[in-house]
Amino acid sequence: MVNLDTVKNTNYVANSYAASTSKSKGGYIGIIVDSNDYILEASMANVGVVLKNGKLIIPSFERTLAGTTVVLAIKYIENNLLKNGAIEEFSREDVLVETIKNEAKELMLFGGNNVVPILSLDGVQISEKPGPVAKALLAFLNQTACV
């Protein structure tokens, strides 16, 4: 059996629906979750979350598309953010919406050679301003774009 969710195609109905639903509720972009309330990806970007314990989680590519921006960011995370102590741990795993609402200190989207900090999710404030991990990743991606 082939998991069509991870096949790049031109059917963006679910993505469009997620984005329009989010915007109709005052949001920026839709984040897609599965039937068990695990975060998958945004309508046009990958998702990353930094928990209060310093663990950075990016959902695995088993059920999401591997965006070029997040793939580049993962290399920087492993080679720089982990080594310099900006994060305590890095993991590729499923993460529940409820975990993000209760334990996240940063939430971000990766796409278009950019990192977009998300300050709230479903009305729950994650942070007041972009955090240090998102800022470091954005600076790295901006530098990479200029090369």
C-alpha atoms as a PDB file:
ATOM      1  CA  MET A   1       0.000   0.000   0.000  1.00  0.00           C
ATOM      2  CA  VAL A   2       1.248   3.496  -0.849  1.00  0.00           C
ATOM      3  CA  ASN A   3       0.728   6.370   1.569  1.00  0.00           C
ATOM      4  CA  LEU A   4      -0.413   9.092  -0.822  1.00  0.00           C
ATOM      5  CA  ASP A   5      -0.058  11.756   1.881  1.00  0.00           C
ATOM      6  CA  THR A   6       3.705  11.715   1.320  1.00  0.00           C
ATOM      7  CA  VAL A   7       3.587  11.747  -2.477  1.00  0.00           C
ATOM      8  CA  LYS A   8       4.161  15.153  -4.052  1.00  0.00           C
ATOM      9  CA  ASN A   9       1.133  15.842  -6.221  1.00  0.00           C
ATOM     10  CA  THR A  10      -1.052  18.672  -7.419  1.00  0.00           C
ATOM     11  CA  ASN A  11      -4.052  17.890  -5.199  1.00  0.00           C
ATOM     12  CA  TYR A  12      -4.019  20.673  -2.658  1.00  0.00           C
ATOM     13  CA  VAL A  13      -7.657  20.467  -1.568  1.00  0.00           C
ATOM     14  CA  ALA A  14      -6.825  19.530   2.051  1.00  0.00           C
ATOM     15  CA  ASN A  15      -4.113  22.195   2.202  1.00  0.00           C
ATOM     16  CA  SER A  16      -6.429  24.860   0.786  1.00  0.00           C
ATOM     17  CA  TYR A  17      -9.155  23.879   3.205  1.00  0.00           C
ATOM     18  CA  ALA A  18      -6.777  24.069   6.180  1.00  0.00           C
ATOM     19  CA  ALA A  19      -5.490  27.486   5.102  1.00  0.00           C
ATOM     20  CA  SER A  20      -8.949  28.965   4.451  1.00  0.00           C
ATOM     21  CA  THR A  21     -10.340  27.565   7.723  1.00  0.00           C
ATOM     22  CA  SER A  22      -7.441  29.074   9.646  1.00  0.00           C
ATOM     23  CA  LYS A  23      -7.812  32.459   7.965  1.00  0.00           C
ATOM     24  CA  SER A  24     -11.575  32.481   8.607  1.00  0.00           C
ATOM     25  CA  LYS A  25     -10.780  32.138  12.320  1.00  0.00           C
ATOM     26  CA  GLY A  26      -8.170  34.917  12.248  1.00  0.00           C
ATOM     27  CA  GLY A  27      -5.183  32.599  11.807  1.00  0.00           C
ATOM     28  CA  TYR A  28      -2.218  32.830   9.505  1.00  0.00           C
ATOM     29  CA  ILE A  29      -1.989  29.398   7.940  1.00  0.00           C
ATOM     30  CA  GLY A  30      -3.660  26.069   8.560  1.00  0.00           C
ATOM     31  CA  ILE A  31      -1.894  23.314  10.475  1.00  0.00           C
ATOM     32  CA  ILE A  32      -3.020  19.840   9.510  1.00  0.00           C
ATOM     33  CA  VAL A  33      -3.550  17.192  12.201  1.00  0.00           C
ATOM     34  CA  ASP A  34      -4.427  13.517  11.917  1.00  0.00           C
ATOM     35  CA  SER A  35      -7.478  11.792  13.410  1.00  0.00           C
ATOM     36  CA  ASN A  36      -5.597  11.253  16.701  1.00  0.00           C
ATOM     37  CA  ASP A  37      -4.750  14.972  17.015  1.00  0.00           C
ATOM     38  CA  TYR A  38      -1.077  14.643  16.074  1.00  0.00           C
ATOM     39  CA  ILE A  39       0.437  17.581  14.187  1.00  0.00           C
ATOM     40  CA  LEU A  40       1.411  16.658  10.632  1.00  0.00           C
ATOM     41  CA  GLU A  41       2.353  19.818   8.732  1.00  0.00           C
ATOM     42  CA  ALA A  42       1.040  23.211   7.791  1.00  0.00           C
ATOM     43  CA  SER A  43      -0.844  23.767   4.575  1.00  0.00           C
ATOM     44  CA  MET A  44       2.368  24.872   2.815  1.00  0.00           C
ATOM     45  CA  ALA A  45       5.150  24.257   5.347  1.00  0.00           C
ATOM     46  CA  ASN A  46       6.660  21.840   7.829  1.00  0.00           C
ATOM     47  CA  VAL A  47       6.185  22.352  11.570  1.00  0.00           C
ATOM     48  CA  GLY A  48       8.726  22.531  14.380  1.00  0.00           C
ATOM     49  CA  VAL A  49       8.195  22.935  18.117  1.00  0.00           C
ATOM     50  CA  VAL A  50      10.580  23.680  20.966  1.00  0.00           C
ATOM     51  CA  LEU A  51       9.321  22.348  24.282  1.00  0.00           C
ATOM     52  CA  LYS A  52       9.981  24.007  27.636  1.00  0.00           C
ATOM     53  CA  ASN A  53      12.508  21.251  28.424  1.00  0.00           C
ATOM     54  CA  GLY A  54      14.635  22.387  25.445  1.00  0.00           C
ATOM     55  CA  LYS A  55      13.677  19.548  23.092  1.00  0.00           C
ATOM     56  CA  LEU A  56      13.113  20.541  19.450  1.00  0.00           C
ATOM     57  CA  ILE A  57      10.676  18.257  17.625  1.00  0.00           C
ATOM     58  CA  ILE A  58       9.973  18.120  13.902  1.00  0.00           C
ATOM     59  CA  PRO A  59       7.431  15.478  12.847  1.00  0.00           C
ATOM     60  CA  SER A  60       8.941  12.642  10.823  1.00  0.00           C
ATOM     61  CA  PHE A  61       8.564  12.475   7.065  1.00  0.00           C
ATOM     62  CA  GLU A  62       6.704   9.152   7.255  1.00  0.00           C
ATOM     63  CA  ARG A  63       3.401  11.022   6.966  1.00  0.00           C
ATOM     64  CA  THR A  64       4.493  14.420   5.681  1.00  0.00           C
ATOM     65  CA  LEU A  65       6.422  15.811   2.748  1.00  0.00           C
ATOM     66  CA  ALA A  66      10.095  16.564   3.274  1.00  0.00           C
ATOM     67  CA  GLY A  67      10.254  20.255   2.421  1.00  0.00           C
ATOM     68  CA  THR A  68      13.577  21.576   1.188  1.00  0.00           C
ATOM     69  CA  THR A  69      13.642  24.304   3.850  1.00  0.00           C
ATOM     70  CA  VAL A  70      13.166  21.931   6.777  1.00  0.00           C
ATOM     71  CA  VAL A  71      15.708  19.459   5.358  1.00  0.00           C
ATOM     72  CA  LEU A  72      18.281  22.261   5.232  1.00  0.00           C
ATOM     73  CA  ALA A  73      17.266  23.422   8.716  1.00  0.00           C
ATOM     74  CA  ILE A  74      17.668  19.900  10.151  1.00  0.00           C
ATOM     75  CA  LYS A  75      21.312  19.847   9.089  1.00  0.00           C
ATOM     76  CA  TYR A  76      21.873  23.175  10.853  1.00  0.00           C
ATOM     77  CA  ILE A  77      19.999  21.969  13.941  1.00  0.00           C
ATOM     78  CA  GLU A  78      22.124  18.828  14.198  1.00  0.00           C
ATOM     79  CA  ASN A  79      25.446  20.495  13.411  1.00  0.00           C
ATOM     80  CA  ASN A  80      24.977  23.776  15.268  1.00  0.00           C
ATOM     81  CA  LEU A  81      21.993  24.252  17.594  1.00  0.00           C
ATOM     82  CA  LEU A  82      22.486  20.928  19.351  1.00  0.00           C
ATOM     83  CA  LYS A  83      26.250  21.311  19.627  1.00  0.00           C
ATOM     84  CA  ASN A  84      26.191  24.901  20.926  1.00  0.00           C
ATOM     85  CA  GLY A  85      23.488  24.181  23.525  1.00  0.00           C
ATOM     86  CA  ALA A  86      20.747  26.297  21.959  1.00  0.00           C
ATOM     87  CA  ILE A  87      18.554  23.200  22.301  1.00  0.00           C
ATOM     88  CA  GLU A  88      18.926  20.249  24.673  1.00  0.00           C
ATOM     89  CA  GLU A  89      17.649  17.550  22.326  1.00  0.00           C
ATOM     90  CA  PHE A  90      16.426  17.094  18.762  1.00  0.00           C
ATOM     91  CA  SER A  91      13.853  14.513  17.748  1.00  0.00           C
ATOM     92  CA  ARG A  92      11.840  13.495  14.689  1.00  0.00           C
ATOM     93  CA  GLU A  93       8.580  12.208  16.178  1.00  0.00           C
ATOM     94  CA  ASP A  94       4.852  12.690  16.333  1.00  0.00           C
ATOM     95  CA  VAL A  95       3.656  15.426  18.655  1.00  0.00           C
ATOM     96  CA  LEU A  96       0.122  16.007  19.911  1.00  0.00           C
ATOM     97  CA  VAL A  97      -1.629  19.362  19.612  1.00  0.00           C
ATOM     98  CA  GLU A  98      -2.245  19.232  23.365  1.00  0.00           C
ATOM     99  CA  THR A  99       1.487  18.800  24.020  1.00  0.00           C
ATOM    100  CA  ILE A 100       2.180  21.933  22.005  1.00  0.00           C
ATOM    101  CA  LYS A 101      -0.495  23.897  23.836  1.00  0.00           C
ATOM    102  CA  ASN A 102       0.793  22.817  27.266  1.00  0.00           C
ATOM    103  CA  GLU A 103       4.554  22.381  26.835  1.00  0.00           C
ATOM    104  CA  ALA A 104       5.760  24.491  23.892  1.00  0.00           C
ATOM    105  CA  LYS A 105       7.844  27.625  24.253  1.00  0.00           C
ATOM    106  CA  GLU A 106       8.342  28.067  20.488  1.00  0.00           C
ATOM    107  CA  LEU A 107       6.304  26.945  17.497  1.00  0.00           C
ATOM    108  CA  MET A 108       7.460  27.567  13.943  1.00  0.00           C
ATOM    109  CA  LEU A 109       6.823  26.779  10.304  1.00  0.00           C
ATOM    110  CA  PHE A 110       9.504  25.966   7.725  1.00  0.00           C
ATOM    111  CA  GLY A 111       8.893  26.824   4.070  1.00  0.00           C
ATOM    112  CA  GLY A 112      10.061  28.980   1.191  1.00  0.00           C
ATOM    113  CA  ASN A 113      13.566  29.231   2.696  1.00  0.00           C
ATOM    114  CA  ASN A 114      11.987  30.930   5.692  1.00  0.00           C
ATOM    115  CA  VAL A 115      11.024  30.252   9.301  1.00  0.00           C
ATOM    116  CA  VAL A 116       7.758  31.754  10.502  1.00  0.00           C
ATOM    117  CA  PRO A 117       7.291  31.869  14.289  1.00  0.00           C
ATOM    118  CA  ILE A 118       3.745  31.007  15.378  1.00  0.00           C
ATOM    119  CA  LEU A 119       2.852  32.804  18.595  1.00  0.00           C
ATOM    120  CA  SER A 120      -0.485  31.092  19.295  1.00  0.00           C
ATOM    121  CA  LEU A 121      -2.297  27.910  18.353  1.00  0.00           C
ATOM    122  CA  ASP A 122      -6.090  27.704  18.498  1.00  0.00           C
ATOM    123  CA  GLY A 123      -6.162  30.757  20.751  1.00  0.00           C
ATOM    124  CA  VAL A 124      -3.538  29.395  23.169  1.00  0.00           C
ATOM    125  CA  GLN A 125      -0.498  31.663  23.423  1.00  0.00           C
ATOM    126  CA  ILE A 126       2.766  29.807  22.865  1.00  0.00           C
ATOM    127  CA  SER A 127       5.059  32.828  23.220  1.00  0.00           C
ATOM    128  CA  GLU A 128       4.852  36.612  23.162  1.00  0.00           C
ATOM    129  CA  LYS A 129       7.513  37.062  20.492  1.00  0.00           C
ATOM    130  CA  PRO A 130       9.724  34.967  18.210  1.00  0.00           C
ATOM    131  CA  GLY A 131      12.074  32.807  20.275  1.00  0.00           C
ATOM    132  CA  PRO A 132      15.830  32.304  20.034  1.00  0.00           C
ATOM    133  CA  VAL A 133      15.660  29.006  18.125  1.00  0.00           C
ATOM    134  CA  ALA A 134      13.386  30.428  15.429  1.00  0.00           C
ATOM    135  CA  LYS A 135      15.600  33.523  15.196  1.00  0.00           C
ATOM    136  CA  ALA A 136      18.761  31.411  14.833  1.00  0.00           C
ATOM    137  CA  LEU A 137      17.174  29.252  12.141  1.00  0.00           C
ATOM    138  CA  LEU A 138      15.907  32.308  10.276  1.00  0.00           C
ATOM    139  CA  ALA A 139      19.348  33.937  10.389  1.00  0.00           C
ATOM    140  CA  PHE A 140      20.915  30.728   9.051  1.00  0.00           C
ATOM    141  CA  LEU A 141      18.355  30.432   6.227  1.00  0.00           C
ATOM    142  CA  ASN A 142      18.767  34.116   5.315  1.00  0.00           C
ATOM    143  CA  GLN A 143      22.536  33.638   5.148  1.00  0.00           C
ATOM    144  CA  THR A 144      22.107  30.473   3.067  1.00  0.00           C
ATOM    145  CA  ALA A 145      19.816  32.261   0.604  1.00  0.00           C
ATOM    146  CA  CYS A 146      22.505  34.846  -0.061  1.00  0.00           C
ATOM    147  CA  VAL A 147      25.155  32.267  -0.974  1.00  0.00           C
END
